[in-house]
Amino acid sequence: MKIAVFGASGMIGQRVTQEALARGHQVTALVRHPENVTASHPNLTVQTADALDPASVAAAVAGHDVVVSSISPNSQGPSVLVASAHSLLEGVEQAGVKRLLVVGGAGSLEVAPGLQLVDSPEFPAAWRPGALAHREGLNIYRQSQGQVDWTYFSPANFIAPGERTGAYRTGTEQLVINDKGESRISAEDYAVALVDEIETPRFVRQRFTAAY
């Protein structure tokens, strides 16, 4: 497949790109700063694109089979998650690409009936603005009436670089926890789960999550 990845220079974007290349896919890394992409591969193309401009999105993703958004709020602020949701839906549809996978947040997952993680008392205050923006972005995808088959992929509560095991468990609206009450996944195994969803779609126009 031809896969376009926005935010390919970030922690998750890098690993999604590496996982897709390792499986033989062609990847276009779409970034604001091409010099930040240090990977080299015969099937990798690096290109400048603006995820907040629907015309730029459409031009960059035309001819691809799948678009992945791994845009992070760390460098541009939480509002980029909301703005990019509108822009990506419009641009991807303009380009005639059917499939969009979005790297989301864990804060909107339920930890009890009717209680989302971001609204729980123990949720760190510093994480709250990003989590709320992720939640707003998810609602934009859910309310979309266009032709794009989106999938919103929430990680575990804790995600960080680690080992690629290829093992994970999935869920939909509830936080996935282990027998110790922890919700964790490595960025490498998150990428495995994302590329698995690209190759074998199971959560079209849905949110899903994965953890150990």
N, C-alpha and C. Protein backbone atom coordinates (compact mmCIF):
# COMPACT_ATOMS: atom_id res chain seq x y z
N MET A 1 0.83 -1.19 0.00
CA MET A 1 0.00 0.00 0.00
C MET A 1 0.87 1.26 0.00
N LYS A 2 0.27 2.35 -0.44
CA LYS A 2 0.91 3.66 -0.33
C LYS A 2 0.30 4.39 0.86
N ILE A 3 1.13 4.68 1.85
CA ILE A 3 0.67 5.25 3.11
C ILE A 3 1.30 6.63 3.31
N ALA A 4 0.48 7.63 3.53
CA ALA A 4 0.96 8.98 3.83
C ALA A 4 0.87 9.19 5.34
N VAL A 5 1.96 9.67 5.96
CA VAL A 5 2.00 9.83 7.41
C VAL A 5 2.29 11.28 7.76
N PHE A 6 1.30 11.98 8.30
CA PHE A 6 1.54 13.31 8.84
C PHE A 6 2.17 13.16 10.23
N GLY A 7 3.13 14.04 10.53
CA GLY A 7 3.81 13.96 11.82
C GLY A 7 4.79 12.81 11.90
N ALA A 8 5.39 12.47 10.78
CA ALA A 8 6.25 11.28 10.71
C ALA A 8 7.56 11.43 11.46
N SER A 9 7.89 12.64 11.90
CA SER A 9 9.14 12.83 12.63
C SER A 9 8.96 12.71 14.14
N GLY A 10 7.73 12.56 14.61
CA GLY A 10 7.47 12.46 16.04
C GLY A 10 7.70 11.06 16.58
N MET A 11 7.54 10.92 17.90
CA MET A 11 7.81 9.63 18.56
C MET A 11 6.98 8.50 17.94
N ILE A 12 5.68 8.73 17.81
CA ILE A 12 4.82 7.68 17.26
C ILE A 12 4.92 7.63 15.75
N GLY A 13 4.96 8.79 15.11
CA GLY A 13 5.05 8.83 13.66
C GLY A 13 6.26 8.11 13.11
N GLN A 14 7.39 8.27 13.79
CA GLN A 14 8.60 7.56 13.36
C GLN A 14 8.40 6.06 13.39
N ARG A 15 7.77 5.59 14.43
CA ARG A 15 7.61 4.14 14.59
C ARG A 15 6.55 3.57 13.66
N VAL A 16 5.52 4.34 13.40
CA VAL A 16 4.54 3.91 12.39
C VAL A 16 5.20 3.81 11.02
N THR A 17 6.01 4.80 10.70
CA THR A 17 6.74 4.80 9.43
C THR A 17 7.65 3.58 9.34
N GLN A 18 8.42 3.32 10.38
CA GLN A 18 9.34 2.18 10.39
C GLN A 18 8.59 0.86 10.27
N GLU A 19 7.48 0.72 10.99
CA GLU A 19 6.70 -0.52 10.95
C GLU A 19 6.12 -0.75 9.57
N ALA A 20 5.58 0.30 8.96
CA ALA A 20 5.00 0.17 7.64
C ALA A 20 6.06 -0.18 6.59
N LEU A 21 7.22 0.45 6.68
CA LEU A 21 8.30 0.15 5.74
C LEU A 21 8.79 -1.29 5.91
N ALA A 22 8.88 -1.74 7.16
CA ALA A 22 9.34 -3.10 7.42
C ALA A 22 8.40 -4.14 6.83
N ARG A 23 7.13 -3.77 6.65
CA ARG A 23 6.15 -4.70 6.08
C ARG A 23 6.04 -4.56 4.56
N GLY A 24 6.87 -3.72 3.98
CA GLY A 24 6.89 -3.62 2.53
C GLY A 24 6.01 -2.56 1.93
N HIS A 25 5.43 -1.68 2.76
CA HIS A 25 4.59 -0.62 2.23
C HIS A 25 5.45 0.55 1.74
N GLN A 26 4.89 1.37 0.88
CA GLN A 26 5.51 2.62 0.46
C GLN A 26 4.98 3.73 1.35
N VAL A 27 5.88 4.52 1.92
CA VAL A 27 5.48 5.54 2.90
C VAL A 27 5.95 6.92 2.44
N THR A 28 5.04 7.88 2.51
CA THR A 28 5.38 9.27 2.32
C THR A 28 5.31 9.97 3.67
N ALA A 29 6.45 10.44 4.16
CA ALA A 29 6.51 11.16 5.43
C ALA A 29 6.17 12.61 5.18
N LEU A 30 5.05 13.08 5.72
CA LEU A 30 4.59 14.45 5.51
C LEU A 30 4.85 15.25 6.77
N VAL A 31 5.76 16.21 6.67
CA VAL A 31 6.23 16.93 7.86
C VAL A 31 6.38 18.41 7.54
N ARG A 32 6.48 19.21 8.60
CA ARG A 32 6.75 20.65 8.42
C ARG A 32 8.23 20.90 8.21
N HIS A 33 9.06 20.05 8.82
CA HIS A 33 10.51 20.24 8.74
C HIS A 33 11.17 18.95 8.25
N PRO A 34 11.37 18.79 6.95
CA PRO A 34 11.92 17.55 6.39
C PRO A 34 13.27 17.18 6.96
N GLU A 35 14.03 18.16 7.41
CA GLU A 35 15.36 17.86 7.97
C GLU A 35 15.27 17.04 9.25
N ASN A 36 14.10 16.99 9.87
CA ASN A 36 13.93 16.21 11.10
C ASN A 36 13.71 14.73 10.84
N VAL A 37 13.50 14.35 9.59
CA VAL A 37 13.33 12.93 9.23
C VAL A 37 14.70 12.38 8.85
N THR A 38 15.25 11.56 9.71
CA THR A 38 16.61 11.04 9.50
C THR A 38 16.60 9.65 8.88
N ALA A 39 15.44 9.01 8.82
CA ALA A 39 15.37 7.65 8.28
C ALA A 39 15.64 7.67 6.77
N SER A 40 16.19 6.57 6.30
CA SER A 40 16.44 6.41 4.87
C SER A 40 16.00 5.01 4.46
N HIS A 41 15.21 4.93 3.38
CA HIS A 41 14.70 3.64 2.93
C HIS A 41 14.27 3.79 1.48
N PRO A 42 14.46 2.77 0.65
CA PRO A 42 14.06 2.87 -0.76
C PRO A 42 12.58 3.18 -0.95
N ASN A 43 11.74 2.77 0.00
CA ASN A 43 10.29 2.99 -0.13
C ASN A 43 9.81 4.20 0.64
N LEU A 44 10.73 5.04 1.11
CA LEU A 44 10.36 6.23 1.89
C LEU A 44 10.59 7.50 1.09
N THR A 45 9.56 8.33 1.04
CA THR A 45 9.65 9.66 0.45
C THR A 45 9.33 10.68 1.53
N VAL A 46 10.12 11.73 1.60
CA VAL A 46 9.89 12.79 2.59
C VAL A 46 9.41 14.03 1.86
N GLN A 47 8.33 14.62 2.38
CA GLN A 47 7.70 15.73 1.68
C GLN A 47 7.17 16.74 2.70
N THR A 48 7.24 18.02 2.36
CA THR A 48 6.66 19.07 3.20
C THR A 48 5.17 19.18 2.94
N ALA A 49 4.39 19.28 4.02
CA ALA A 49 2.95 19.47 3.88
C ALA A 49 2.43 20.12 5.14
N ASP A 50 1.30 20.81 5.01
CA ASP A 50 0.68 21.51 6.14
C ASP A 50 -0.66 20.86 6.44
N ALA A 51 -0.74 20.17 7.56
CA ALA A 51 -1.97 19.46 7.93
C ALA A 51 -3.12 20.40 8.27
N LEU A 52 -2.82 21.69 8.43
CA LEU A 52 -3.87 22.66 8.76
C LEU A 52 -4.43 23.35 7.52
N ASP A 53 -3.95 22.98 6.36
CA ASP A 53 -4.40 23.56 5.10
C ASP A 53 -5.00 22.46 4.24
N PRO A 54 -6.32 22.43 4.07
CA PRO A 54 -6.94 21.34 3.30
C PRO A 54 -6.38 21.17 1.90
N ALA A 55 -6.02 22.27 1.25
CA ALA A 55 -5.46 22.18 -0.10
C ALA A 55 -4.10 21.50 -0.08
N SER A 56 -3.29 21.83 0.94
CA SER A 56 -1.98 21.19 1.08
C SER A 56 -2.15 19.70 1.38
N VAL A 57 -3.11 19.37 2.24
CA VAL A 57 -3.40 17.97 2.56
C VAL A 57 -3.79 17.21 1.30
N ALA A 58 -4.72 17.77 0.54
CA ALA A 58 -5.21 17.10 -0.66
C ALA A 58 -4.09 16.85 -1.66
N ALA A 59 -3.23 17.86 -1.86
CA ALA A 59 -2.13 17.71 -2.81
C ALA A 59 -1.13 16.66 -2.35
N ALA A 60 -0.90 16.61 -1.04
CA ALA A 60 0.13 15.71 -0.50
C ALA A 60 -0.32 14.25 -0.49
N VAL A 61 -1.60 14.00 -0.26
CA VAL A 61 -2.06 12.62 -0.09
C VAL A 61 -2.67 12.01 -1.34
N ALA A 62 -2.83 12.79 -2.38
CA ALA A 62 -3.40 12.27 -3.62
C ALA A 62 -2.60 11.07 -4.11
N GLY A 63 -3.29 10.02 -4.49
CA GLY A 63 -2.63 8.82 -4.99
C GLY A 63 -2.25 7.81 -3.93
N HIS A 64 -2.50 8.13 -2.66
CA HIS A 64 -2.21 7.19 -1.57
C HIS A 64 -3.44 6.34 -1.27
N ASP A 65 -3.20 5.22 -0.64
CA ASP A 65 -4.30 4.34 -0.22
C ASP A 65 -4.82 4.68 1.16
N VAL A 66 -3.93 5.15 2.02
CA VAL A 66 -4.26 5.41 3.43
C VAL A 66 -3.50 6.64 3.89
N VAL A 67 -4.15 7.42 4.76
CA VAL A 67 -3.49 8.55 5.41
C VAL A 67 -3.48 8.30 6.91
N VAL A 68 -2.33 8.56 7.54
CA VAL A 68 -2.20 8.46 8.99
C VAL A 68 -1.86 9.84 9.53
N SER A 69 -2.56 10.28 10.56
CA SER A 69 -2.22 11.52 11.24
C SER A 69 -1.65 11.20 12.62
N SER A 70 -0.37 11.47 12.79
CA SER A 70 0.24 11.30 14.11
C SER A 70 0.73 12.66 14.61
N ILE A 71 -0.07 13.68 14.35
CA ILE A 71 0.26 15.04 14.77
C ILE A 71 0.23 15.14 16.28
N SER A 72 1.25 15.77 16.83
CA SER A 72 1.36 15.93 18.28
C SER A 72 1.09 17.38 18.66
N PRO A 73 0.43 17.62 19.80
CA PRO A 73 0.21 18.99 20.25
C PRO A 73 1.43 19.60 20.93
N ASN A 74 2.49 18.83 21.09
CA ASN A 74 3.62 19.29 21.90
C ASN A 74 4.28 20.55 21.36
N SER A 75 4.42 20.63 20.03
CA SER A 75 5.13 21.77 19.47
C SER A 75 4.21 22.90 19.01
N GLN A 76 2.94 22.58 18.71
CA GLN A 76 2.03 23.59 18.17
C GLN A 76 0.89 23.93 19.12
N GLY A 77 0.77 23.23 20.23
CA GLY A 77 -0.31 23.49 21.17
C GLY A 77 -1.52 22.63 20.89
N PRO A 78 -2.38 22.44 21.91
CA PRO A 78 -3.53 21.54 21.78
C PRO A 78 -4.49 21.89 20.66
N SER A 79 -4.61 23.18 20.32
CA SER A 79 -5.59 23.58 19.31
C SER A 79 -5.32 22.94 17.95
N VAL A 80 -4.07 22.50 17.71
CA VAL A 80 -3.75 21.89 16.42
C VAL A 80 -4.53 20.60 16.21
N LEU A 81 -4.90 19.93 17.28
CA LEU A 81 -5.63 18.67 17.16
C LEU A 81 -7.04 18.90 16.62
N VAL A 82 -7.66 20.01 17.02
CA VAL A 82 -9.00 20.33 16.54
C VAL A 82 -8.94 20.86 15.12
N ALA A 83 -8.04 21.80 14.88
CA ALA A 83 -7.92 22.39 13.54
C ALA A 83 -7.56 21.34 12.50
N SER A 84 -6.65 20.42 12.86
CA SER A 84 -6.23 19.41 11.89
C SER A 84 -7.34 18.40 11.60
N ALA A 85 -8.22 18.16 12.57
CA ALA A 85 -9.33 17.23 12.33
C ALA A 85 -10.20 17.74 11.18
N HIS A 86 -10.56 19.02 11.22
CA HIS A 86 -11.36 19.61 10.14
C HIS A 86 -10.60 19.58 8.83
N SER A 87 -9.33 19.98 8.87
CA SER A 87 -8.53 20.09 7.66
C SER A 87 -8.27 18.73 7.03
N LEU A 88 -7.96 17.74 7.83
CA LEU A 88 -7.67 16.42 7.30
C LEU A 88 -8.90 15.79 6.66
N LEU A 89 -10.03 15.90 7.33
CA LEU A 89 -11.25 15.33 6.74
C LEU A 89 -11.55 15.96 5.40
N GLU A 90 -11.40 17.28 5.31
CA GLU A 90 -11.69 17.97 4.06
C GLU A 90 -10.65 17.62 2.98
N GLY A 91 -9.38 17.70 3.35
CA GLY A 91 -8.32 17.47 2.36
C GLY A 91 -8.26 16.04 1.87
N VAL A 92 -8.42 15.09 2.77
CA VAL A 92 -8.37 13.67 2.40
C VAL A 92 -9.53 13.34 1.45
N GLU A 93 -10.70 13.91 1.74
CA GLU A 93 -11.85 13.66 0.85
C GLU A 93 -11.63 14.32 -0.51
N GLN A 94 -11.09 15.52 -0.52
CA GLN A 94 -10.80 16.19 -1.79
C GLN A 94 -9.87 15.34 -2.66
N ALA A 95 -8.92 14.68 -2.02
CA ALA A 95 -7.95 13.87 -2.75
C ALA A 95 -8.51 12.53 -3.21
N GLY A 96 -9.69 12.19 -2.72
CA GLY A 96 -10.30 10.92 -3.10
C GLY A 96 -9.73 9.73 -2.37
N VAL A 97 -9.06 9.98 -1.24
CA VAL A 97 -8.53 8.88 -0.43
C VAL A 97 -9.61 8.45 0.55
N LYS A 98 -9.82 7.18 0.68
CA LYS A 98 -10.95 6.67 1.47
C LYS A 98 -10.63 6.53 2.97
N ARG A 99 -9.37 6.23 3.28
CA ARG A 99 -9.06 5.76 4.65
C ARG A 99 -8.16 6.75 5.37
N LEU A 100 -8.53 7.08 6.62
CA LEU A 100 -7.76 7.98 7.49
C LEU A 100 -7.68 7.38 8.88
N LEU A 101 -6.46 7.19 9.38
CA LEU A 101 -6.25 6.73 10.76
C LEU A 101 -5.62 7.84 11.56
N VAL A 102 -6.17 8.09 12.75
CA VAL A 102 -5.74 9.21 13.57
C VAL A 102 -5.16 8.71 14.89
N VAL A 103 -3.94 9.14 15.19
CA VAL A 103 -3.34 8.86 16.50
C VAL A 103 -4.00 9.79 17.50
N GLY A 104 -4.76 9.24 18.41
CA GLY A 104 -5.54 10.04 19.34
C GLY A 104 -4.97 10.04 20.74
N GLY A 105 -5.82 10.38 21.69
CA GLY A 105 -5.42 10.42 23.09
C GLY A 105 -6.21 9.42 23.91
N ALA A 106 -5.71 9.14 25.11
CA ALA A 106 -6.36 8.17 26.00
C ALA A 106 -7.37 8.82 26.93
N GLY A 107 -7.33 10.15 27.05
CA GLY A 107 -8.13 10.84 28.06
C GLY A 107 -9.62 10.66 27.92
N SER A 108 -10.11 10.41 26.70
CA SER A 108 -11.56 10.26 26.50
C SER A 108 -12.03 8.82 26.67
N LEU A 109 -11.14 7.93 27.06
CA LEU A 109 -11.55 6.55 27.35
C LEU A 109 -12.21 6.48 28.73
N GLU A 110 -13.17 5.60 28.86
CA GLU A 110 -13.88 5.47 30.14
C GLU A 110 -13.09 4.61 31.13
N VAL A 111 -13.06 5.06 32.37
CA VAL A 111 -12.46 4.28 33.46
C VAL A 111 -13.53 3.73 34.39
N ALA A 112 -14.75 4.20 34.22
CA ALA A 112 -15.94 3.72 34.93
C ALA A 112 -17.13 4.15 34.09
N PRO A 113 -18.28 3.53 34.29
CA PRO A 113 -19.43 3.90 33.46
C PRO A 113 -19.71 5.40 33.52
N GLY A 114 -19.63 6.05 32.36
CA GLY A 114 -19.91 7.47 32.30
C GLY A 114 -18.79 8.39 32.75
N LEU A 115 -17.65 7.83 33.16
CA LEU A 115 -16.52 8.64 33.64
C LEU A 115 -15.31 8.43 32.73
N GLN A 116 -14.90 9.48 32.07
CA GLN A 116 -13.73 9.41 31.22
C GLN A 116 -12.47 9.72 32.03
N LEU A 117 -11.36 9.16 31.57
CA LEU A 117 -10.09 9.31 32.27
C LEU A 117 -9.76 10.77 32.54
N VAL A 118 -9.97 11.65 31.56
CA VAL A 118 -9.61 13.06 31.70
C VAL A 118 -10.41 13.74 32.80
N ASP A 119 -11.59 13.22 33.12
CA ASP A 119 -12.45 13.82 34.14
C ASP A 119 -12.27 13.19 35.52
N SER A 120 -11.37 12.22 35.62
CA SER A 120 -11.14 11.57 36.91
C SER A 120 -10.24 12.44 37.79
N PRO A 121 -10.39 12.38 39.11
CA PRO A 121 -9.63 13.26 40.00
C PRO A 121 -8.12 13.10 39.90
N GLU A 122 -7.66 11.91 39.58
CA GLU A 122 -6.21 11.65 39.56
C GLU A 122 -5.54 12.02 38.24
N PHE A 123 -6.32 12.48 37.26
CA PHE A 123 -5.72 12.81 35.97
C PHE A 123 -4.83 14.04 36.12
N PRO A 124 -3.57 13.97 35.66
CA PRO A 124 -2.64 15.09 35.85
C PRO A 124 -3.12 16.37 35.17
N ALA A 125 -3.09 17.46 35.90
CA ALA A 125 -3.58 18.74 35.38
C ALA A 125 -2.80 19.18 34.14
N ALA A 126 -1.51 18.87 34.10
CA ALA A 126 -0.68 19.30 32.98
C ALA A 126 -1.09 18.62 31.68
N TRP A 127 -1.69 17.45 31.78
CA TRP A 127 -2.10 16.72 30.59
C TRP A 127 -3.49 17.11 30.11
N ARG A 128 -4.23 17.81 30.94
CA ARG A 128 -5.66 18.05 30.66
C ARG A 128 -5.92 18.84 29.38
N PRO A 129 -5.22 19.94 29.09
CA PRO A 129 -5.52 20.67 27.85
C PRO A 129 -5.38 19.81 26.60
N GLY A 130 -4.32 19.03 26.53
CA GLY A 130 -4.14 18.15 25.38
C GLY A 130 -5.21 17.09 25.30
N ALA A 131 -5.58 16.52 26.46
CA ALA A 131 -6.61 15.47 26.48
C ALA A 131 -7.96 16.01 26.05
N LEU A 132 -8.29 17.22 26.48
CA LEU A 132 -9.57 17.82 26.09
C LEU A 132 -9.59 18.12 24.59
N ALA A 133 -8.46 18.57 24.05
CA ALA A 133 -8.38 18.83 22.61
C ALA A 133 -8.50 17.53 21.81
N HIS A 134 -7.87 16.47 22.30
CA HIS A 134 -8.02 15.16 21.65
C HIS A 134 -9.49 14.74 21.66
N ARG A 135 -10.16 14.95 22.78
CA ARG A 135 -11.56 14.56 22.89
C ARG A 135 -12.43 15.35 21.90
N GLU A 136 -12.15 16.65 21.77
CA GLU A 136 -12.88 17.48 20.82
C GLU A 136 -12.62 17.00 19.39
N GLY A 137 -11.36 16.65 19.12
CA GLY A 137 -11.03 16.12 17.79
C GLY A 137 -11.80 14.85 17.49
N LEU A 138 -11.87 13.95 18.46
CA LEU A 138 -12.62 12.70 18.28
C LEU A 138 -14.08 13.00 17.93
N ASN A 139 -14.67 13.98 18.61
CA ASN A 139 -16.07 14.31 18.34
C ASN A 139 -16.25 14.85 16.92
N ILE A 140 -15.24 15.58 16.41
CA ILE A 140 -15.32 16.08 15.04
C ILE A 140 -15.35 14.91 14.06
N TYR A 141 -14.50 13.91 14.28
CA TYR A 141 -14.52 12.74 13.40
C TYR A 141 -15.85 12.01 13.50
N ARG A 142 -16.36 11.87 14.70
CA ARG A 142 -17.63 11.16 14.88
C ARG A 142 -18.80 11.87 14.21
N GLN A 143 -18.74 13.17 14.14
CA GLN A 143 -19.83 13.94 13.57
C GLN A 143 -19.69 14.14 12.06
N SER A 144 -18.58 13.69 11.50
CA SER A 144 -18.34 13.92 10.08
C SER A 144 -19.34 13.15 9.23
N GLN A 145 -19.77 13.80 8.15
CA GLN A 145 -20.77 13.20 7.27
C GLN A 145 -20.20 12.90 5.88
N GLY A 146 -18.89 13.03 5.73
CA GLY A 146 -18.26 12.85 4.43
C GLY A 146 -18.01 11.40 4.08
N GLN A 147 -17.17 11.22 3.06
CA GLN A 147 -16.90 9.89 2.52
C GLN A 147 -15.67 9.22 3.13
N VAL A 148 -14.97 9.92 4.02
CA VAL A 148 -13.73 9.38 4.58
C VAL A 148 -14.03 8.33 5.65
N ASP A 149 -13.46 7.16 5.49
CA ASP A 149 -13.57 6.11 6.51
C ASP A 149 -12.45 6.31 7.53
N TRP A 150 -12.76 7.04 8.59
CA TRP A 150 -11.77 7.36 9.62
C TRP A 150 -11.73 6.28 10.69
N THR A 151 -10.60 6.19 11.35
CA THR A 151 -10.44 5.38 12.56
C THR A 151 -9.62 6.20 13.54
N TYR A 152 -10.10 6.30 14.76
CA TYR A 152 -9.41 7.06 15.80
C TYR A 152 -8.81 6.05 16.78
N PHE A 153 -7.51 6.11 16.96
CA PHE A 153 -6.79 5.10 17.74
C PHE A 153 -6.23 5.71 19.02
N SER A 154 -6.90 5.46 20.13
CA SER A 154 -6.43 5.92 21.44
C SER A 154 -5.38 4.97 21.99
N PRO A 155 -4.27 5.48 22.49
CA PRO A 155 -3.27 4.60 23.09
C PRO A 155 -3.66 4.20 24.50
N ALA A 156 -2.81 3.43 25.14
CA ALA A 156 -2.95 3.17 26.57
C ALA A 156 -2.68 4.46 27.33
N ASN A 157 -2.95 4.46 28.62
CA ASN A 157 -2.71 5.65 29.43
C ASN A 157 -1.25 6.06 29.41
N PHE A 158 -0.35 5.08 29.42
CA PHE A 158 1.08 5.36 29.37
C PHE A 158 1.67 4.73 28.11
N ILE A 159 2.28 5.57 27.27
CA ILE A 159 2.93 5.10 26.05
C ILE A 159 4.29 5.76 25.97
N ALA A 160 5.30 4.96 25.69
CA ALA A 160 6.67 5.46 25.63
C ALA A 160 7.49 4.51 24.77
N PRO A 161 8.63 4.98 24.26
CA PRO A 161 9.50 4.09 23.50
C PRO A 161 9.86 2.85 24.31
N GLY A 162 9.94 1.72 23.65
CA GLY A 162 10.24 0.47 24.36
C GLY A 162 10.48 -0.66 23.39
N GLU A 163 10.00 -1.82 23.76
CA GLU A 163 10.24 -3.04 22.98
C GLU A 163 9.09 -3.32 22.03
N ARG A 164 9.42 -3.86 20.87
CA ARG A 164 8.40 -4.33 19.94
C ARG A 164 8.17 -5.81 20.22
N THR A 165 7.03 -6.14 20.81
CA THR A 165 6.70 -7.54 21.09
C THR A 165 5.71 -8.10 20.07
N GLY A 166 4.95 -7.21 19.44
CA GLY A 166 3.91 -7.65 18.52
C GLY A 166 2.64 -8.11 19.22
N ALA A 167 2.61 -7.99 20.55
CA ALA A 167 1.45 -8.44 21.32
C ALA A 167 0.72 -7.23 21.92
N TYR A 168 -0.59 -7.28 21.89
CA TYR A 168 -1.40 -6.22 22.49
C TYR A 168 -2.83 -6.71 22.57
N ARG A 169 -3.63 -6.03 23.38
CA ARG A 169 -5.07 -6.30 23.46
C ARG A 169 -5.82 -5.04 23.04
N THR A 170 -6.96 -5.20 22.40
CA THR A 170 -7.71 -4.05 21.94
C THR A 170 -9.00 -3.87 22.74
N GLY A 171 -9.51 -2.65 22.70
CA GLY A 171 -10.79 -2.31 23.28
C GLY A 171 -11.40 -1.21 22.44
N THR A 172 -12.53 -0.68 22.88
CA THR A 172 -13.17 0.40 22.12
C THR A 172 -13.33 1.66 22.97
N GLU A 173 -14.24 1.67 23.90
CA GLU A 173 -14.50 2.90 24.65
C GLU A 173 -13.93 2.89 26.07
N GLN A 174 -13.47 1.74 26.54
CA GLN A 174 -12.93 1.65 27.90
C GLN A 174 -11.41 1.51 27.88
N LEU A 175 -10.77 2.10 28.89
CA LEU A 175 -9.33 1.97 29.04
C LEU A 175 -8.98 0.50 29.25
N VAL A 176 -8.02 -0.01 28.50
CA VAL A 176 -7.59 -1.41 28.64
C VAL A 176 -6.50 -1.46 29.71
N ILE A 177 -6.73 -2.26 30.74
CA ILE A 177 -5.77 -2.37 31.84
C ILE A 177 -5.35 -3.82 32.04
N ASN A 178 -4.18 -4.00 32.67
CA ASN A 178 -3.71 -5.36 32.95
C ASN A 178 -4.13 -5.79 34.34
N ASP A 179 -3.65 -6.97 34.77
CA ASP A 179 -4.09 -7.49 36.06
C ASP A 179 -3.52 -6.72 37.25
N LYS A 180 -2.61 -5.78 36.97
CA LYS A 180 -2.08 -4.90 38.02
C LYS A 180 -2.77 -3.54 38.04
N GLY A 181 -3.77 -3.40 37.19
CA GLY A 181 -4.47 -2.14 37.11
C GLY A 181 -3.75 -1.08 36.29
N GLU A 182 -2.76 -1.51 35.50
CA GLU A 182 -1.98 -0.58 34.69
C GLU A 182 -2.47 -0.58 33.25
N SER A 183 -2.34 0.56 32.59
CA SER A 183 -2.66 0.68 31.18
C SER A 183 -1.42 1.20 30.47
N ARG A 184 -0.70 0.29 29.80
CA ARG A 184 0.58 0.64 29.18
C ARG A 184 0.73 -0.02 27.82
N ILE A 185 1.54 0.63 26.97
CA ILE A 185 1.96 0.02 25.71
C ILE A 185 3.22 0.75 25.24
N SER A 186 4.08 0.04 24.56
CA SER A 186 5.25 0.70 23.98
C SER A 186 4.82 1.40 22.68
N ALA A 187 5.54 2.44 22.32
CA ALA A 187 5.25 3.12 21.06
C ALA A 187 5.43 2.17 19.89
N GLU A 188 6.35 1.22 20.02
CA GLU A 188 6.59 0.23 18.97
C GLU A 188 5.38 -0.67 18.77
N ASP A 189 4.79 -1.15 19.86
CA ASP A 189 3.63 -2.03 19.72
C ASP A 189 2.37 -1.26 19.35
N TYR A 190 2.31 0.01 19.74
CA TYR A 190 1.22 0.86 19.25
C TYR A 190 1.28 0.93 17.73
N ALA A 191 2.49 1.11 17.19
CA ALA A 191 2.67 1.17 15.75
C ALA A 191 2.28 -0.16 15.09
N VAL A 192 2.60 -1.26 15.73
CA VAL A 192 2.20 -2.57 15.22
C VAL A 192 0.68 -2.64 15.10
N ALA A 193 -0.01 -2.23 16.16
CA ALA A 193 -1.48 -2.28 16.15
C ALA A 193 -2.06 -1.36 15.09
N LEU A 194 -1.45 -0.20 14.89
CA LEU A 194 -1.95 0.74 13.89
C LEU A 194 -1.79 0.18 12.48
N VAL A 195 -0.62 -0.37 12.18
CA VAL A 195 -0.41 -0.92 10.84
C VAL A 195 -1.25 -2.19 10.65
N ASP A 196 -1.48 -2.94 11.72
CA ASP A 196 -2.41 -4.08 11.62
C ASP A 196 -3.79 -3.59 11.19
N GLU A 197 -4.23 -2.46 11.75
CA GLU A 197 -5.55 -1.91 11.40
C GLU A 197 -5.57 -1.41 9.96
N ILE A 198 -4.46 -0.90 9.48
CA ILE A 198 -4.38 -0.51 8.07
C ILE A 198 -4.56 -1.73 7.17
N GLU A 199 -3.84 -2.79 7.50
CA GLU A 199 -3.85 -3.98 6.65
C GLU A 199 -5.15 -4.78 6.76
N THR A 200 -5.72 -4.82 7.96
CA THR A 200 -6.96 -5.57 8.20
C THR A 200 -7.92 -4.70 8.99
N PRO A 201 -8.68 -3.85 8.32
CA PRO A 201 -9.56 -2.91 9.03
C PRO A 201 -10.62 -3.62 9.86
N ARG A 202 -10.69 -3.23 11.12
CA ARG A 202 -11.71 -3.77 12.03
C ARG A 202 -12.53 -2.67 12.70
N PHE A 203 -12.01 -1.44 12.67
CA PHE A 203 -12.64 -0.36 13.43
C PHE A 203 -12.91 0.85 12.53
N VAL A 204 -13.59 0.61 11.43
CA VAL A 204 -13.89 1.68 10.48
C VAL A 204 -14.98 2.59 11.05
N ARG A 205 -14.71 3.90 11.02
CA ARG A 205 -15.60 4.91 11.58
C ARG A 205 -15.88 4.63 13.06
N GLN A 206 -14.85 4.18 13.74
CA GLN A 206 -14.92 3.90 15.17
C GLN A 206 -13.63 4.35 15.84
N ARG A 207 -13.68 4.42 17.17
CA ARG A 207 -12.49 4.58 17.99
C ARG A 207 -12.11 3.21 18.55
N PHE A 208 -10.80 2.95 18.62
CA PHE A 208 -10.37 1.77 19.36
C PHE A 208 -9.12 2.12 20.15
N THR A 209 -8.74 1.23 21.03
CA THR A 209 -7.58 1.44 21.86
C THR A 209 -6.82 0.13 21.99
N ALA A 210 -5.59 0.22 22.44
CA ALA A 210 -4.78 -0.98 22.60
C ALA A 210 -3.83 -0.80 23.79
N ALA A 211 -3.61 -1.89 24.49
CA ALA A 211 -2.66 -1.91 25.62
C ALA A 211 -2.30 -3.36 25.88
N TYR A 212 -1.36 -3.56 26.79
CA TYR A 212 -0.96 -4.93 27.14
C TYR A 212 -1.98 -5.57 28.06
